[in-house]
Each structure stands twice: as structure tokens, then as C-alpha cells.
């Protein structure tokens, strides 16, 4: 992929709700080149793969963001990433 192609992919990914420059780069690391590539993806699997690829412990909020982005791509409903935090934390 050329530098110009990468910039175009990153711009496309950043059009998704909750996706900024850093998260767009994370998606690219995972091989996500188009928002539609997120359809039917498992957010937990994406989160675990990102941890493996980077070798870095990711903030749990990254998992919430994966959930929000996959939800948006599958349903068209834009929700804030923190609306998925309760799902991660379980019943209180």
C-alpha cells in the first residue's frame, strides 16, 4: 500500500463514530481497510489481536470502542463508546 493509499484508508476509517487517528491506525494494523470489513467481527477478538500484534496491554476502553464501531457498522446506530462499558464490566 502506498502512503497515499494508507492516508485514504485512514481518512475513511476516521469517518466512523468514535474513531480518531490512533484508533484508525489500530484498525489498519488489524487489516481493516474499509469500514465494511468490521461487519460480523467479534470485538473481543479484535481487542485480543491488537494486544498480540502490538505487544502492549490495551486500555479496556479500547474494547468498548471496538464494540461501538462494530455495532455502528452492523446496525447504522451511532452510540458513544462509553455506552458499552457496562457490558464489559458486567452486572453491578
Foldseek 3Di string as FASTA:
>chain_A
DDPVLLVVQLVQVCVFPPDDNVVSVLCVLVVDRHLLVLEPDDLVVSQVVSCVSVVDNDDVLSSLSSVQSNCCSHPVDHDHSVVCVCVVVDDD
